[in-house]
N, C-alpha and C. Protein backbone atom coordinates (compact mmCIF):
# COMPACT_ATOMS: atom_id res chain seq x y z
N UNK A 1 -8.33 67.67 44.49
CA UNK A 1 -8.30 68.05 45.89
C UNK A 1 -6.86 67.90 46.38
N UNK A 2 -6.36 68.91 47.10
CA UNK A 2 -4.99 68.82 47.60
C UNK A 2 -4.85 67.75 48.68
N UNK A 3 -3.62 67.31 48.85
CA UNK A 3 -3.33 66.31 49.87
C UNK A 3 -3.14 66.95 51.24
N UNK A 4 -2.96 66.10 52.21
CA UNK A 4 -2.74 66.55 53.59
C UNK A 4 -1.35 66.12 54.02
N UNK A 5 -0.63 67.01 54.66
CA UNK A 5 0.69 66.71 55.19
C UNK A 5 0.51 66.00 56.54
N UNK A 6 0.38 64.67 56.49
CA UNK A 6 0.11 63.89 57.69
C UNK A 6 1.26 63.95 58.69
N UNK A 7 2.50 64.03 58.21
CA UNK A 7 3.63 64.02 59.14
C UNK A 7 3.62 65.26 60.04
N UNK A 8 3.29 66.41 59.50
CA UNK A 8 3.22 67.60 60.38
C UNK A 8 1.96 67.58 61.25
N UNK A 9 0.90 66.99 60.74
CA UNK A 9 -0.35 66.92 61.50
C UNK A 9 -0.24 65.97 62.69
N UNK A 10 0.62 64.94 62.58
CA UNK A 10 0.80 64.01 63.69
C UNK A 10 1.35 64.71 64.93
N UNK A 11 2.10 65.76 64.73
CA UNK A 11 2.63 66.53 65.86
C UNK A 11 1.60 67.43 66.51
N UNK A 12 0.51 67.70 65.81
CA UNK A 12 -0.50 68.61 66.34
C UNK A 12 -1.71 67.91 66.95
N UNK A 13 -2.07 66.76 66.40
CA UNK A 13 -3.23 66.03 66.92
C UNK A 13 -2.72 64.76 67.60
N UNK A 14 -2.98 64.65 68.89
CA UNK A 14 -2.47 63.52 69.64
C UNK A 14 -3.50 62.39 69.72
N UNK A 15 -3.03 61.24 70.06
CA UNK A 15 -3.91 60.09 70.25
C UNK A 15 -4.87 60.36 71.41
N UNK A 16 -4.41 61.05 72.44
CA UNK A 16 -5.28 61.36 73.58
C UNK A 16 -6.47 62.23 73.17
N UNK A 17 -6.25 63.17 72.25
CA UNK A 17 -7.34 64.01 71.77
C UNK A 17 -8.40 63.17 71.06
N UNK A 18 -7.95 62.27 70.22
CA UNK A 18 -8.88 61.41 69.46
C UNK A 18 -9.63 60.48 70.42
N UNK A 19 -8.92 59.89 71.36
CA UNK A 19 -9.56 59.01 72.34
C UNK A 19 -10.60 59.79 73.16
N UNK A 20 -10.30 61.03 73.49
CA UNK A 20 -11.24 61.87 74.22
C UNK A 20 -12.51 62.13 73.42
N UNK A 21 -12.36 62.42 72.14
CA UNK A 21 -13.53 62.63 71.28
C UNK A 21 -14.39 61.38 71.16
N UNK A 22 -13.74 60.22 71.22
CA UNK A 22 -14.47 58.95 71.11
C UNK A 22 -15.03 58.47 72.44
N UNK A 23 -14.71 59.17 73.52
CA UNK A 23 -15.22 58.78 74.83
C UNK A 23 -14.54 57.54 75.40
N UNK A 24 -13.30 57.29 75.00
CA UNK A 24 -12.56 56.12 75.49
C UNK A 24 -12.26 56.25 76.97
N UNK A 25 -12.52 55.18 77.71
CA UNK A 25 -12.19 55.14 79.13
C UNK A 25 -11.12 54.08 79.35
N UNK A 26 -10.01 54.51 79.91
CA UNK A 26 -8.91 53.60 80.19
C UNK A 26 -9.26 52.74 81.40
N UNK A 27 -9.19 51.41 81.23
CA UNK A 27 -9.47 50.48 82.31
C UNK A 27 -8.20 50.14 83.07
N UNK A 28 -7.10 50.07 82.34
CA UNK A 28 -5.81 49.69 82.94
C UNK A 28 -4.72 50.46 82.20
N UNK A 29 -3.71 50.88 82.94
CA UNK A 29 -2.63 51.67 82.35
C UNK A 29 -1.30 51.12 82.82
N UNK A 30 -0.38 50.99 81.88
CA UNK A 30 0.98 50.58 82.21
C UNK A 30 1.93 51.51 81.46
N UNK A 31 2.29 52.62 82.08
CA UNK A 31 3.12 53.63 81.43
C UNK A 31 2.36 54.30 80.29
N UNK A 32 2.95 54.26 79.09
CA UNK A 32 2.32 54.84 77.91
C UNK A 32 1.30 53.91 77.27
N UNK A 33 1.21 52.68 77.75
CA UNK A 33 0.29 51.69 77.20
C UNK A 33 -1.02 51.72 77.97
N UNK A 34 -2.11 52.00 77.27
CA UNK A 34 -3.43 52.06 77.88
C UNK A 34 -4.28 50.92 77.35
N UNK A 35 -5.16 50.39 78.20
CA UNK A 35 -6.05 49.28 77.82
C UNK A 35 -7.48 49.63 78.18
N UNK A 36 -8.39 49.14 77.39
CA UNK A 36 -9.80 49.39 77.68
C UNK A 36 -10.71 48.76 76.64
N UNK A 37 -11.96 49.19 76.69
CA UNK A 37 -12.96 48.70 75.74
C UNK A 37 -12.70 49.33 74.37
N UNK A 38 -12.86 48.55 73.33
CA UNK A 38 -12.63 49.04 71.97
C UNK A 38 -13.73 50.02 71.57
N UNK A 39 -13.37 51.24 71.17
CA UNK A 39 -14.38 52.21 70.75
C UNK A 39 -14.95 51.91 69.36
N UNK A 40 -14.39 50.93 68.68
CA UNK A 40 -14.85 50.61 67.33
C UNK A 40 -15.94 49.55 67.31
N UNK A 41 -15.81 48.55 68.17
CA UNK A 41 -16.82 47.48 68.16
C UNK A 41 -17.54 47.33 69.50
N UNK A 42 -17.39 48.28 70.40
CA UNK A 42 -18.07 48.27 71.70
C UNK A 42 -17.90 46.91 72.37
N UNK A 43 -16.69 46.58 72.72
CA UNK A 43 -16.38 45.28 73.31
C UNK A 43 -17.15 45.06 74.62
N UNK A 44 -17.37 43.81 74.94
CA UNK A 44 -18.11 43.41 76.13
C UNK A 44 -17.18 43.38 77.35
N UNK A 45 -17.76 43.19 78.52
CA UNK A 45 -17.01 43.21 79.77
C UNK A 45 -15.88 42.19 79.79
N UNK A 46 -16.09 41.02 79.20
CA UNK A 46 -15.03 40.02 79.22
C UNK A 46 -13.85 40.39 78.33
N UNK A 47 -14.04 41.39 77.47
CA UNK A 47 -12.96 41.86 76.58
C UNK A 47 -12.56 43.29 76.93
N UNK A 48 -12.59 43.63 78.22
CA UNK A 48 -12.34 45.01 78.62
C UNK A 48 -10.92 45.47 78.34
N UNK A 49 -9.98 44.56 78.20
CA UNK A 49 -8.60 44.92 77.87
C UNK A 49 -8.25 44.58 76.43
N UNK A 50 -9.26 44.37 75.60
CA UNK A 50 -9.02 43.99 74.21
C UNK A 50 -8.35 45.11 73.42
N UNK A 51 -8.66 46.36 73.75
CA UNK A 51 -8.14 47.51 73.03
C UNK A 51 -6.88 48.00 73.73
N UNK A 52 -5.78 48.07 73.00
CA UNK A 52 -4.50 48.49 73.54
C UNK A 52 -4.00 49.68 72.71
N UNK A 53 -3.61 50.74 73.39
CA UNK A 53 -3.12 51.92 72.69
C UNK A 53 -1.87 52.45 73.36
N UNK A 54 -0.87 52.76 72.56
CA UNK A 54 0.34 53.38 73.07
C UNK A 54 0.24 54.86 72.74
N UNK A 55 0.01 55.69 73.75
CA UNK A 55 -0.23 57.11 73.51
C UNK A 55 1.03 57.85 73.07
N UNK A 56 2.19 57.40 73.48
CA UNK A 56 3.44 58.05 73.06
C UNK A 56 3.73 57.78 71.60
N UNK A 57 3.55 56.53 71.17
CA UNK A 57 3.80 56.16 69.77
C UNK A 57 2.60 56.45 68.87
N UNK A 58 1.46 56.77 69.47
CA UNK A 58 0.21 57.06 68.74
C UNK A 58 -0.18 55.90 67.83
N UNK A 59 -0.28 54.72 68.43
CA UNK A 59 -0.73 53.55 67.67
C UNK A 59 -1.64 52.71 68.56
N UNK A 60 -2.58 52.01 67.91
CA UNK A 60 -3.52 51.19 68.66
C UNK A 60 -3.68 49.84 67.98
N UNK A 61 -4.21 48.89 68.76
CA UNK A 61 -4.54 47.56 68.24
C UNK A 61 -5.66 46.98 69.09
N UNK A 62 -6.65 46.39 68.43
CA UNK A 62 -7.71 45.69 69.15
C UNK A 62 -7.53 44.20 68.93
N UNK A 63 -7.39 43.46 70.00
CA UNK A 63 -7.17 42.02 69.92
C UNK A 63 -8.43 41.26 69.55
N UNK A 64 -9.57 41.92 69.62
CA UNK A 64 -10.84 41.28 69.28
C UNK A 64 -11.21 41.50 67.81
N UNK A 65 -11.30 42.77 67.38
CA UNK A 65 -11.72 43.05 65.99
C UNK A 65 -10.53 43.20 65.04
N UNK A 66 -9.31 43.13 65.57
CA UNK A 66 -8.07 43.15 64.79
C UNK A 66 -7.80 44.46 64.06
N UNK A 67 -8.43 45.54 64.47
CA UNK A 67 -8.15 46.84 63.86
C UNK A 67 -6.87 47.41 64.46
N UNK A 68 -6.17 48.20 63.67
CA UNK A 68 -4.89 48.78 64.11
C UNK A 68 -4.61 50.03 63.31
N UNK A 69 -3.75 50.88 63.85
CA UNK A 69 -3.35 52.07 63.12
C UNK A 69 -2.94 53.21 64.04
N UNK A 70 -2.98 54.40 63.48
CA UNK A 70 -2.63 55.60 64.24
C UNK A 70 -3.90 56.36 64.61
N UNK A 71 -3.73 57.57 65.13
CA UNK A 71 -4.88 58.34 65.57
C UNK A 71 -5.83 58.70 64.42
N UNK A 72 -5.30 58.87 63.22
CA UNK A 72 -6.15 59.22 62.08
C UNK A 72 -6.94 58.01 61.58
N UNK A 73 -6.30 56.87 61.56
CA UNK A 73 -7.00 55.63 61.18
C UNK A 73 -8.09 55.32 62.19
N UNK A 74 -7.80 55.52 63.46
CA UNK A 74 -8.80 55.28 64.51
C UNK A 74 -10.02 56.17 64.30
N UNK A 75 -9.80 57.44 64.03
CA UNK A 75 -10.91 58.36 63.82
C UNK A 75 -11.70 57.98 62.57
N UNK A 76 -11.00 57.64 61.49
CA UNK A 76 -11.67 57.24 60.24
C UNK A 76 -12.50 55.98 60.45
N UNK A 77 -11.95 55.00 61.16
CA UNK A 77 -12.69 53.76 61.43
C UNK A 77 -13.90 54.01 62.32
N UNK A 78 -13.72 54.87 63.32
CA UNK A 78 -14.81 55.14 64.27
C UNK A 78 -15.96 55.90 63.60
N UNK A 79 -15.62 56.80 62.69
CA UNK A 79 -16.65 57.59 62.01
C UNK A 79 -17.13 56.94 60.72
N UNK A 80 -16.49 55.82 60.35
CA UNK A 80 -16.84 55.08 59.13
C UNK A 80 -16.74 55.96 57.88
N UNK A 81 -15.66 56.73 57.84
CA UNK A 81 -15.40 57.62 56.71
C UNK A 81 -14.05 57.24 56.09
N UNK A 82 -13.84 57.56 54.81
CA UNK A 82 -12.50 57.41 54.24
C UNK A 82 -11.51 58.31 54.97
N UNK A 83 -10.25 57.97 54.91
CA UNK A 83 -9.22 58.66 55.71
C UNK A 83 -9.17 60.17 55.44
N UNK A 84 -9.10 60.59 54.20
CA UNK A 84 -8.94 62.01 53.87
C UNK A 84 -10.08 62.86 54.43
N UNK A 85 -11.36 62.56 54.12
CA UNK A 85 -12.44 63.38 54.70
C UNK A 85 -12.54 63.25 56.22
N UNK A 86 -12.16 62.11 56.76
CA UNK A 86 -12.21 61.93 58.21
C UNK A 86 -11.20 62.85 58.89
N UNK A 87 -10.01 62.97 58.31
CA UNK A 87 -8.98 63.84 58.91
C UNK A 87 -9.38 65.31 58.77
N UNK A 88 -10.00 65.67 57.66
CA UNK A 88 -10.48 67.05 57.50
C UNK A 88 -11.52 67.35 58.58
N UNK A 89 -12.45 66.42 58.79
CA UNK A 89 -13.47 66.61 59.82
C UNK A 89 -12.85 66.67 61.21
N UNK A 90 -11.86 65.81 61.48
CA UNK A 90 -11.18 65.80 62.77
C UNK A 90 -10.50 67.14 63.03
N UNK A 91 -9.81 67.66 62.04
CA UNK A 91 -9.15 68.97 62.18
C UNK A 91 -10.18 70.06 62.48
N UNK A 92 -11.30 70.02 61.78
CA UNK A 92 -12.35 71.02 62.02
C UNK A 92 -12.91 70.91 63.43
N UNK A 93 -13.12 69.70 63.91
CA UNK A 93 -13.65 69.51 65.28
C UNK A 93 -12.69 69.99 66.34
N UNK A 94 -11.38 69.81 66.09
CA UNK A 94 -10.38 70.21 67.08
C UNK A 94 -9.88 71.64 66.88
N UNK A 95 -10.31 72.29 65.81
CA UNK A 95 -9.85 73.65 65.54
C UNK A 95 -8.41 73.73 65.10
N UNK A 96 -7.94 72.69 64.43
CA UNK A 96 -6.56 72.64 63.94
C UNK A 96 -6.55 72.98 62.46
N UNK A 97 -5.63 73.86 62.06
CA UNK A 97 -5.52 74.22 60.65
C UNK A 97 -4.95 73.04 59.86
N UNK A 98 -5.55 72.74 58.74
CA UNK A 98 -5.14 71.59 57.92
C UNK A 98 -3.90 71.96 57.12
N UNK A 99 -2.80 71.21 57.27
CA UNK A 99 -1.59 71.48 56.49
C UNK A 99 -1.72 70.87 55.09
N UNK A 100 -2.25 71.65 54.16
CA UNK A 100 -2.48 71.15 52.80
C UNK A 100 -1.17 71.02 52.03
N UNK A 101 -1.11 70.03 51.17
CA UNK A 101 0.00 69.84 50.24
C UNK A 101 -0.59 70.06 48.85
N UNK A 102 -0.19 71.13 48.19
CA UNK A 102 -0.80 71.47 46.91
C UNK A 102 -0.08 70.83 45.73
N UNK A 103 1.11 70.40 45.91
CA UNK A 103 1.81 69.64 44.87
C UNK A 103 2.87 68.78 45.53
N UNK A 104 3.11 67.63 44.97
CA UNK A 104 4.08 66.73 45.60
C UNK A 104 5.35 66.72 44.85
């Protein structure tokens, strides 16, 4: 199976798109830093700011479940799929052409 050119795909799929698909609701915002309930472990009200995401840098961290990564890792973790098939599914859902790498 060919690989995926993740570096070019990062420019096409934003963190905001992935958060939208996951139904993330921002509770507090400070510039590019957004806080809210973790979409991975459904945090409780007392942990409403446990999930922190920087939309400009496209990285997230949950202070409760300790998960971290970029928009592709977030989608893979949320769908409980390995990274490669999760990104293929994400591209299909968003209508983005997959930048395949046929040889390295």
